[in-house]
Amino acid sequence: MKKVIFTLIAIIMIILFTEHFYSFVIGFSLAMIAVTTGYCIAYQAILKPQYTMSFLVLAVVSKLAITVVGIIGVFASNIIHSPITFLIAYVLFSVLMTYLASTYRSFQREKKDNEQQEFLHTGLYKAV
């Protein structure tokens, strides 16, 4: 249901903001780059738990830096014509990318747990 709602909202936004297409695309692109970078860094904390707080702080700082530099660059070069469209696209796709990253990570975790459960039921391994 969430996927359908996100998809409908994205399609409606694209239709409504066709007049300000560049503002919408730049907001979408900046959100995608910032959130993806932040989550790639944050998920490294899973591999090295002793540095969890460092990775999380670095992820937040990198997302903020990419966002601030991107917004300053866009407004300095006078590329976009509608800041409201840019803001709506950034917020919408930031939430969408966050949802997709969390869903993907949850799917991976469930898959790994299921494989481990199947391995335990084969009898080749005794649970402690």
Protein backbone atom coordinates (compact mmCIF):
# COMPACT_ATOMS: atom_id res chain seq x y z
CA MET A 1 0.00 0.00 0.00
CA LYS A 2 2.86 2.37 0.81
CA LYS A 3 4.44 1.71 -2.56
CA VAL A 4 1.21 2.61 -4.33
CA ILE A 5 0.82 5.81 -2.32
CA PHE A 6 4.43 6.89 -2.98
CA THR A 7 4.07 6.10 -6.67
CA LEU A 8 0.80 8.03 -6.97
CA ILE A 9 2.24 11.03 -5.15
CA ALA A 10 5.31 11.01 -7.40
CA ILE A 11 3.20 10.80 -10.57
CA ILE A 12 0.87 13.57 -9.39
CA MET A 13 3.84 15.78 -8.52
CA ILE A 14 5.43 15.18 -11.91
CA ILE A 15 2.20 16.11 -13.67
CA LEU A 16 1.60 19.19 -11.51
CA PHE A 17 5.13 20.53 -11.85
CA THR A 18 5.75 20.00 -15.57
CA GLU A 19 5.93 23.76 -15.99
CA HIS A 20 8.89 23.89 -13.59
CA PHE A 21 10.56 20.72 -14.85
CA TYR A 22 14.16 21.80 -14.18
CA SER A 23 13.39 22.76 -10.58
CA PHE A 24 11.72 19.39 -10.04
CA VAL A 25 14.52 17.36 -11.62
CA ILE A 26 17.25 19.23 -9.75
CA GLY A 27 15.43 18.79 -6.43
CA PHE A 28 14.94 15.11 -7.17
CA SER A 29 18.59 14.63 -8.19
CA LEU A 30 19.98 16.46 -5.20
CA ALA A 31 17.80 14.46 -2.81
CA MET A 32 18.80 11.20 -4.44
CA ILE A 33 22.51 11.97 -4.25
CA ALA A 34 22.41 13.26 -0.66
CA VAL A 35 20.27 10.48 0.78
CA THR A 36 22.06 7.70 -1.09
CA THR A 37 25.45 8.94 0.08
CA GLY A 38 24.23 9.27 3.66
CA TYR A 39 22.79 5.76 3.73
CA CYS A 40 25.82 4.17 2.08
CA ILE A 41 27.99 5.64 4.82
CA ALA A 42 25.50 4.81 7.59
CA TYR A 43 25.17 1.17 6.54
CA GLN A 44 28.92 0.73 6.90
CA ALA A 45 28.25 0.84 10.65
CA ILE A 46 26.75 -2.63 10.31
CA LEU A 47 30.05 -4.01 9.06
CA LYS A 48 32.13 -2.29 11.76
CA PRO A 49 29.99 -1.91 14.89
CA GLN A 50 32.82 -0.42 16.96
CA TYR A 51 32.65 2.72 14.78
CA THR A 52 28.86 3.04 14.65
CA MET A 53 28.60 6.52 16.09
CA SER A 54 31.39 7.82 13.86
CA PHE A 55 29.71 6.45 10.74
CA LEU A 56 26.32 7.88 11.71
CA VAL A 57 27.72 11.33 12.41
CA LEU A 58 29.72 11.23 9.17
CA ALA A 59 26.57 10.21 7.26
CA VAL A 60 24.55 13.13 8.68
CA VAL A 61 27.34 15.62 8.03
CA SER A 62 27.87 14.38 4.46
CA LYS A 63 24.14 14.54 3.69
CA LEU A 64 23.97 18.05 5.10
CA ALA A 65 27.09 19.15 3.21
CA ILE A 66 25.84 17.78 -0.11
CA THR A 67 22.47 19.43 0.41
CA VAL A 68 23.90 22.82 1.38
CA VAL A 69 26.51 22.87 -1.41
CA GLY A 70 23.91 21.73 -3.94
CA ILE A 71 21.37 24.37 -2.91
CA ILE A 72 23.99 27.13 -2.90
CA GLY A 73 25.24 26.02 -6.32
CA VAL A 74 21.76 25.84 -7.80
CA PHE A 75 20.68 29.22 -6.52
CA ALA A 76 24.01 30.87 -7.39
CA SER A 77 23.85 29.70 -10.99
CA ASN A 78 20.17 30.73 -11.25
CA ILE A 79 19.15 27.43 -12.86
CA ILE A 80 15.79 26.96 -11.18
CA HIS A 81 12.77 29.23 -11.49
CA SER A 82 10.60 27.88 -8.69
CA PRO A 83 12.11 27.36 -5.23
CA ILE A 84 8.82 25.88 -3.97
CA THR A 85 8.90 23.17 -6.63
CA PHE A 86 12.54 22.48 -5.81
CA LEU A 87 11.72 22.18 -2.09
CA ILE A 88 8.72 19.91 -2.63
CA ALA A 89 10.68 17.63 -4.96
CA TYR A 90 13.60 17.49 -2.53
CA VAL A 91 11.42 16.62 0.46
CA LEU A 92 9.25 14.12 -1.43
CA PHE A 93 12.15 12.21 -2.92
CA SER A 94 14.17 12.39 0.27
CA VAL A 95 11.34 10.58 2.06
CA LEU A 96 10.95 8.19 -0.86
CA MET A 97 14.66 7.31 -0.94
CA THR A 98 14.67 6.85 2.84
CA TYR A 99 11.72 4.46 2.60
CA LEU A 100 13.30 2.50 -0.26
CA ALA A 101 16.65 2.18 1.52
CA SER A 102 14.98 1.01 4.74
CA THR A 103 12.77 -1.46 2.89
CA TYR A 104 15.74 -2.85 0.98
CA ARG A 105 17.76 -3.28 4.17
CA SER A 106 14.82 -4.97 5.90
CA PHE A 107 14.38 -7.31 2.94
CA GLN A 108 18.07 -8.26 3.06
CA ARG A 109 17.89 -8.92 6.80
CA GLU A 110 14.80 -11.13 6.44
CA LYS A 111 16.40 -13.06 3.61
CA LYS A 112 19.52 -13.68 5.68
CA ASP A 113 17.44 -14.78 8.70
CA ASN A 114 15.42 -17.17 6.54
CA GLU A 115 18.56 -18.72 5.09
CA GLN A 116 19.97 -19.17 8.58
CA GLN A 117 16.75 -20.80 9.80
CA GLU A 118 16.76 -23.18 6.82
CA PHE A 119 20.36 -24.09 7.60
CA LEU A 120 19.48 -24.80 11.24
CA HIS A 121 16.61 -27.10 10.19
CA THR A 122 18.80 -29.27 7.98
CA GLY A 123 20.38 -30.95 10.99
CA LEU A 124 23.88 -30.19 9.81
CA TYR A 125 24.31 -27.67 12.59
CA LYS A 126 23.35 -27.97 16.22
CA ALA A 127 21.94 -24.89 17.86
CA VAL A 128 23.74 -23.96 21.06
